[in-house]
Amino acid sequence: MAISKSEHTLELVQDLLDDLELGRSSGESLILKASRLARIVGAEEIKEWLRFELGGFKSNNDTSLKYMGLTGRWTKREDNKGYWVPLAQIEALIEAEKSKLAVMRIPDSSGDYNHAASVATRAMNDASSNISKFSGIRSKVMARLHLFVTDVYYEKVFDHLSESIFESYKRDVDNLISENCGDVIDQIPSAMERLGSGDSEAISHALTTCRRIIESFADSIFPSTDETIEIGGNELKLDAGKHQNRINAYIHNNCGSKSRKQRFRQNLSNLFDRVSTGVHKDVSAEEAKALFLNTYLFLGEVLHLRKDV
């Protein structure tokens, strides 16, 4: 089964974090993998920086100069002197200095022992200093990489969680609407199609459909009757034209929370006002989509009242 872009990105991020935290890949391999991640998530500055880490830094590029500083590559900034080489070369220099240090020895006593010992000691100190300096650059690169990957990880975990929560809720709502209000579910694709076009006439039709969806919903969950109901000290009629009253009556009968009932009533009133004929010209495409989504979520929450009882 094909995985979504979000899932693929999350897998790549988790793999990169493991590589970074377990030290199981070379710097160049990490840079290549992180470059792919930067491309996927559209991180343009990071993508440009990583290109310099692969091919070497440039003195005439702002991003290059910025990351020369962030990765500790300057040796004399005012003279534009520093380590412009890519990360792979920094790592090669570390290994070369380590190899050099491994074979260095303080010479045995001889006629000019003090001078020879001084030269050897200085060479060993220089090698140790170079290892420390180059390792510091590599550590800063890895820290920047880890920061970037971690930021993407938490963002994608949240996105994936949000997708999972919404998809799960959507399936539940679709099933509830299908089981309880078959006429309503048939009207939803029409509203979505009209909203997708974006022109004012289509938006007006979509909002009219939203109103019909709410009215059909009222007819399904609380059919019209000549009876009345008292809610909050008010006697409400429940005849065919009183769709809001009938939905509120259903909520009143199935919801025990006073504050939640009040929120339902306010939301329903606001929805009815905005989808009513006469105000369509004041509704933008973005608000129309939000109204449709609000309508859909409202129906789902009301139907969950019966399920939760």
Protein backbone atom coordinates (compact mmCIF):
# COMPACT_ATOMS: atom_id res chain seq x y z
CA MET A 1 0.00 0.00 0.00
CA ALA A 2 1.36 3.43 -0.97
CA ILE A 3 2.29 5.69 1.93
CA SER A 4 1.49 9.39 2.10
CA LYS A 5 4.09 12.11 1.67
CA SER A 6 3.74 12.93 5.36
CA GLU A 7 4.43 9.31 6.34
CA HIS A 8 7.42 9.11 3.96
CA THR A 9 8.85 12.33 5.42
CA LEU A 10 8.36 11.05 8.97
CA GLU A 11 10.18 7.80 8.12
CA LEU A 12 13.09 9.73 6.59
CA VAL A 13 13.27 12.01 9.65
CA GLN A 14 13.28 9.08 12.08
CA ASP A 15 15.99 7.34 10.07
CA LEU A 16 18.11 10.52 10.05
CA LEU A 17 17.69 11.02 13.79
CA ASP A 18 18.84 7.45 14.40
CA ASP A 19 21.86 8.01 12.12
CA LEU A 20 22.77 11.22 13.94
CA GLU A 21 22.22 9.98 17.48
CA LEU A 22 23.81 6.56 16.99
CA GLY A 23 26.69 7.85 14.86
CA ARG A 24 26.13 5.15 12.28
CA SER A 25 26.75 7.16 9.08
CA SER A 26 29.48 9.34 7.64
CA GLY A 27 29.03 13.09 7.53
CA GLU A 28 28.68 13.08 3.75
CA SER A 29 25.97 10.40 3.91
CA LEU A 30 24.09 12.41 6.52
CA ILE A 31 24.37 15.58 4.42
CA LEU A 32 22.99 13.79 1.35
CA LYS A 33 20.05 12.37 3.30
CA ALA A 34 19.35 15.70 5.01
CA SER A 35 19.47 17.43 1.61
CA ARG A 36 16.66 15.14 0.44
CA LEU A 37 14.66 16.00 3.56
CA ALA A 38 15.24 19.74 3.02
CA ARG A 39 13.98 19.36 -0.56
CA ILE A 40 10.85 17.53 0.57
CA VAL A 41 9.90 20.05 3.26
CA GLY A 42 10.92 23.11 1.23
CA ALA A 43 13.66 24.31 3.61
CA GLU A 44 15.46 26.48 1.05
CA GLU A 45 18.15 27.96 3.31
CA ILE A 46 19.04 24.57 4.79
CA LYS A 47 19.12 23.08 1.31
CA GLU A 48 21.56 25.79 0.17
CA TRP A 49 23.76 25.35 3.26
CA LEU A 50 23.95 21.59 2.74
CA ARG A 51 24.98 22.16 -0.86
CA PHE A 52 28.01 24.06 0.47
CA GLU A 53 28.72 21.26 2.94
CA LEU A 54 28.92 18.92 -0.04
CA GLY A 55 30.84 21.09 -2.49
CA GLY A 56 32.65 23.73 -0.46
CA PHE A 57 31.76 27.21 0.75
CA LYS A 58 31.83 30.43 -1.33
CA SER A 59 32.94 33.90 -0.29
CA ASN A 60 30.31 35.71 -2.41
CA ASN A 61 27.18 34.07 -0.99
CA ASP A 62 25.29 35.30 2.09
CA THR A 63 24.10 31.85 3.15
CA SER A 64 27.62 30.48 2.74
CA LEU A 65 29.08 33.25 4.92
CA LYS A 66 26.34 32.80 7.53
CA TYR A 67 27.04 29.08 7.90
CA MET A 68 30.79 29.60 7.88
CA GLY A 69 30.12 31.35 11.19
CA LEU A 70 27.49 28.95 12.52
CA THR A 71 29.78 25.96 11.92
CA GLY A 72 32.89 27.60 13.42
CA ARG A 73 34.93 27.66 10.20
CA TRP A 74 36.44 31.15 10.50
CA THR A 75 40.10 31.42 11.48
CA LYS A 76 40.39 35.16 10.81
CA ARG A 77 37.04 36.61 9.85
CA GLU A 78 38.29 40.14 9.14
CA ASP A 79 40.69 38.76 6.52
CA ASN A 80 38.08 36.35 5.13
CA LYS A 81 40.21 33.37 6.18
CA GLY A 82 38.69 30.09 7.26
CA TYR A 83 38.00 26.49 6.34
CA TRP A 84 36.00 26.77 3.11
CA VAL A 85 36.23 23.03 2.40
CA PRO A 86 33.24 20.64 2.53
CA LEU A 87 32.48 18.47 5.56
CA ALA A 88 33.94 15.34 3.95
CA GLN A 89 37.31 17.09 3.72
CA ILE A 90 37.06 18.24 7.34
CA GLU A 91 36.49 14.61 8.35
CA ALA A 92 39.47 13.52 6.21
CA LEU A 93 41.65 16.11 7.98
CA ILE A 94 40.55 14.75 11.36
CA GLU A 95 41.55 11.22 10.36
CA ALA A 96 44.87 12.41 8.90
CA GLU A 97 45.79 14.23 12.12
CA LYS A 98 44.76 11.22 14.20
CA SER A 99 46.97 8.95 12.09
CA LYS A 100 49.85 11.39 12.40
CA LEU A 101 49.40 11.59 16.17
CA ALA A 102 49.26 7.81 16.51
CA VAL A 103 52.81 7.33 15.23
CA MET A 104 54.40 10.28 17.02
CA ARG A 105 56.71 9.52 19.93
CA ILE A 106 58.93 11.50 22.25
CA PRO A 107 62.45 10.42 21.14
CA ASP A 108 64.73 8.44 23.39
CA SER A 109 67.52 10.34 25.07
CA SER A 110 70.30 11.35 22.72
CA GLY A 111 72.86 14.04 22.29
CA ASP A 112 70.27 16.66 21.35
CA TYR A 113 67.42 15.17 23.37
CA ASN A 114 65.91 18.40 24.63
CA HIS A 115 65.57 19.93 21.17
CA ALA A 116 64.18 16.70 19.63
CA ALA A 117 61.72 16.29 22.51
CA SER A 118 60.60 19.90 22.10
CA VAL A 119 60.01 19.47 18.37
CA ALA A 120 58.09 16.20 18.87
CA THR A 121 56.00 17.65 21.66
CA ARG A 122 55.15 20.70 19.57
CA ALA A 123 54.13 18.47 16.62
CA MET A 124 51.94 16.34 18.88
CA ASN A 125 50.31 19.43 20.36
CA ASP A 126 49.70 20.83 16.88
CA ALA A 127 48.08 17.57 15.76
CA SER A 128 45.92 17.48 18.90
CA SER A 129 44.94 21.11 18.37
CA ASN A 130 44.00 20.44 14.74
CA ILE A 131 41.94 17.40 15.73
CA SER A 132 40.11 19.51 18.32
CA LYS A 133 39.57 22.36 15.84
CA PHE A 134 38.29 20.15 12.99
CA SER A 135 36.21 18.02 15.35
CA GLY A 136 34.63 21.23 16.63
CA ILE A 137 33.56 22.15 13.09
CA ARG A 138 32.14 18.68 12.55
CA SER A 139 30.28 18.82 15.90
CA LYS A 140 28.74 22.18 15.00
CA VAL A 141 27.62 20.82 11.61
CA MET A 142 26.07 17.78 13.30
CA ALA A 143 24.37 20.01 15.89
CA ARG A 144 22.84 22.21 13.15
CA LEU A 145 21.71 19.10 11.30
CA HIS A 146 20.19 17.63 14.45
CA LEU A 147 18.35 20.89 15.16
CA PHE A 148 16.90 20.98 11.64
CA VAL A 149 15.87 17.30 11.66
CA THR A 150 14.38 17.54 15.16
CA ASP A 151 12.30 20.58 14.19
CA VAL A 152 10.95 18.71 11.15
CA TYR A 153 10.33 15.61 13.29
CA TYR A 154 8.10 17.38 15.80
CA GLU A 155 6.30 19.25 13.03
CA LYS A 156 5.62 16.05 11.09
CA VAL A 157 4.65 14.05 14.17
CA PHE A 158 2.04 16.72 14.89
CA ASP A 159 0.90 16.78 11.24
CA HIS A 160 0.66 12.99 11.13
CA LEU A 161 -1.22 12.93 14.44
CA SER A 162 -3.57 15.63 13.19
CA GLU A 163 -4.19 13.70 9.96
CA SER A 164 -4.81 10.50 11.92
CA ILE A 165 -7.20 12.19 14.34
CA PHE A 166 -9.12 13.96 11.57
CA GLU A 167 -9.31 10.91 9.29
CA SER A 168 -10.54 8.76 12.17
CA TYR A 169 -13.12 11.36 13.18
CA LYS A 170 -14.19 11.88 9.56
CA ARG A 171 -14.84 8.15 9.08
CA ASP A 172 -16.85 8.10 12.29
CA VAL A 173 -18.91 11.13 11.28
CA ASP A 174 -19.48 9.78 7.76
CA ASN A 175 -20.80 6.54 9.24
CA LEU A 176 -23.07 8.36 11.68
CA ILE A 177 -24.46 10.66 8.99
CA SER A 178 -24.95 7.73 6.63
CA GLU A 179 -26.77 5.70 9.29
CA ASN A 180 -28.94 8.53 10.60
CA CYS A 181 -29.29 11.05 7.78
CA GLY A 182 -28.92 9.44 4.37
CA ASP A 183 -30.25 12.52 2.57
CA VAL A 184 -27.53 14.66 4.14
CA ILE A 185 -24.58 12.53 3.04
CA ASP A 186 -25.84 12.70 -0.58
CA GLN A 187 -25.60 16.51 -0.56
CA ILE A 188 -22.06 16.81 0.80
CA PRO A 189 -20.18 16.00 -2.48
CA SER A 190 -22.16 18.70 -4.28
CA ALA A 191 -21.17 21.35 -1.76
CA MET A 192 -17.52 20.27 -1.88
CA GLU A 193 -17.44 20.38 -5.68
CA ARG A 194 -18.90 23.89 -5.78
CA LEU A 195 -16.50 25.17 -3.13
CA GLY A 196 -13.61 23.82 -5.17
CA SER A 197 -14.39 26.07 -8.14
CA GLY A 198 -14.04 29.27 -6.08
CA ASP A 199 -16.26 31.63 -8.15
CA SER A 200 -18.94 33.71 -6.43
CA GLU A 201 -21.93 31.92 -8.00
CA ALA A 202 -20.57 28.50 -7.03
CA ILE A 203 -19.92 29.75 -3.49
CA SER A 204 -23.51 31.00 -3.24
CA HIS A 205 -24.80 27.60 -4.41
CA ALA A 206 -22.49 25.82 -1.94
CA LEU A 207 -23.79 27.91 0.96
CA THR A 208 -27.37 27.24 -0.09
CA THR A 209 -26.49 23.54 -0.08
CA CYS A 210 -25.03 23.93 3.43
CA ARG A 211 -28.33 25.41 4.59
CA ARG A 212 -30.25 22.53 2.97
CA ILE A 213 -27.89 20.07 4.65
CA ILE A 214 -28.71 21.60 8.06
CA GLU A 215 -32.45 21.54 7.27
CA SER A 216 -32.31 17.92 6.08
CA PHE A 217 -30.36 17.11 9.21
CA ALA A 218 -33.11 18.63 11.37
CA ASP A 219 -35.77 16.62 9.51
CA SER A 220 -33.79 13.41 10.07
CA ILE A 221 -32.98 13.71 13.76
CA PHE A 222 -36.14 15.51 14.92
CA PRO A 223 -39.09 15.36 12.48
CA SER A 224 -41.55 18.25 12.59
CA THR A 225 -44.40 18.13 15.03
CA ASP A 226 -47.22 20.37 16.22
CA GLU A 227 -45.89 20.06 19.76
CA THR A 228 -43.70 22.61 21.49
CA ILE A 229 -40.76 22.33 23.89
CA GLU A 230 -39.60 24.59 26.69
CA ILE A 231 -35.89 25.41 26.65
CA GLY A 232 -34.40 28.02 28.94
CA GLY A 233 -37.82 29.40 29.83
CA ASN A 234 -38.82 29.82 26.17
CA GLU A 235 -41.59 27.85 24.48
CA LEU A 236 -40.29 26.75 21.08
CA LYS A 237 -42.40 25.61 18.15
CA LEU A 238 -41.28 22.43 16.38
CA ASP A 239 -43.19 22.66 13.09
CA ALA A 240 -41.73 22.11 9.61
CA GLY A 241 -40.23 25.59 9.26
CA LYS A 242 -38.46 25.61 12.63
CA HIS A 243 -35.29 23.72 11.77
CA GLN A 244 -33.07 25.41 14.36
CA ASN A 245 -35.63 24.80 17.10
CA ARG A 246 -35.85 21.11 16.25
CA ILE A 247 -32.05 20.66 16.26
CA ASN A 248 -31.89 22.51 19.58
CA ALA A 249 -34.66 20.27 20.90
CA TYR A 250 -32.65 17.19 19.92
CA ILE A 251 -29.57 18.63 21.65
CA HIS A 252 -31.64 19.52 24.72
CA ASN A 253 -32.90 15.93 24.97
CA ASN A 254 -29.51 14.31 24.45
CA CYS A 255 -27.01 16.60 26.14
CA GLY A 256 -26.67 17.02 29.89
CA SER A 257 -24.15 19.87 29.92
CA LYS A 258 -25.68 23.35 30.13
CA SER A 259 -22.56 25.09 28.79
CA ARG A 260 -22.27 22.62 25.90
CA LYS A 261 -25.93 23.18 24.99
CA GLN A 262 -25.28 26.92 24.94
CA ARG A 263 -22.25 26.43 22.67
CA PHE A 264 -24.30 24.26 20.31
CA ARG A 265 -27.10 26.86 20.14
CA GLN A 266 -24.67 29.70 19.44
CA ASN A 267 -22.78 27.74 16.78
CA LEU A 268 -26.00 26.70 15.05
CA SER A 269 -27.32 30.26 15.09
CA ASN A 270 -24.08 31.60 13.61
CA LEU A 271 -24.04 28.92 10.91
CA PHE A 272 -27.64 29.64 9.92
CA ASP A 273 -26.96 33.36 9.72
CA ARG A 274 -23.92 32.94 7.44
CA VAL A 275 -25.41 30.38 5.06
CA SER A 276 -28.69 32.22 4.64
CA THR A 277 -29.66 33.69 1.28
CA GLY A 278 -28.88 37.41 1.17
CA VAL A 279 -25.45 37.31 2.83
CA HIS A 280 -23.70 35.11 0.25
CA LYS A 281 -22.13 38.11 -1.47
CA ASP A 282 -20.24 38.96 1.72
CA VAL A 283 -18.69 35.49 2.07
CA SER A 284 -15.22 34.84 0.64
CA ALA A 285 -14.13 31.47 -0.76
CA GLU A 286 -12.03 30.87 2.37
CA GLU A 287 -14.91 31.63 4.74
CA ALA A 288 -17.27 29.45 2.67
CA LYS A 289 -14.89 26.51 3.05
CA ALA A 290 -14.64 27.17 6.79
CA LEU A 291 -18.45 27.33 7.05
CA PHE A 292 -18.80 24.03 5.23
CA LEU A 293 -16.24 22.38 7.50
CA ASN A 294 -17.93 23.88 10.56
CA THR A 295 -21.29 22.54 9.36
CA TYR A 296 -19.82 19.06 8.84
CA LEU A 297 -18.15 19.03 12.26
CA PHE A 298 -21.30 20.40 13.91
CA LEU A 299 -23.42 17.57 12.46
CA GLY A 300 -20.87 15.03 13.62
CA GLU A 301 -20.71 16.38 17.16
CA VAL A 302 -24.51 16.48 17.47
CA LEU A 303 -24.83 12.89 16.21
CA HIS A 304 -22.15 11.82 18.71
CA LEU A 305 -24.48 12.94 21.51
CA ARG A 306 -26.69 9.90 20.91
CA LYS A 307 -23.64 7.65 20.55
CA ASP A 308 -22.12 8.91 23.80
CA VAL A 309 -25.27 8.49 25.88
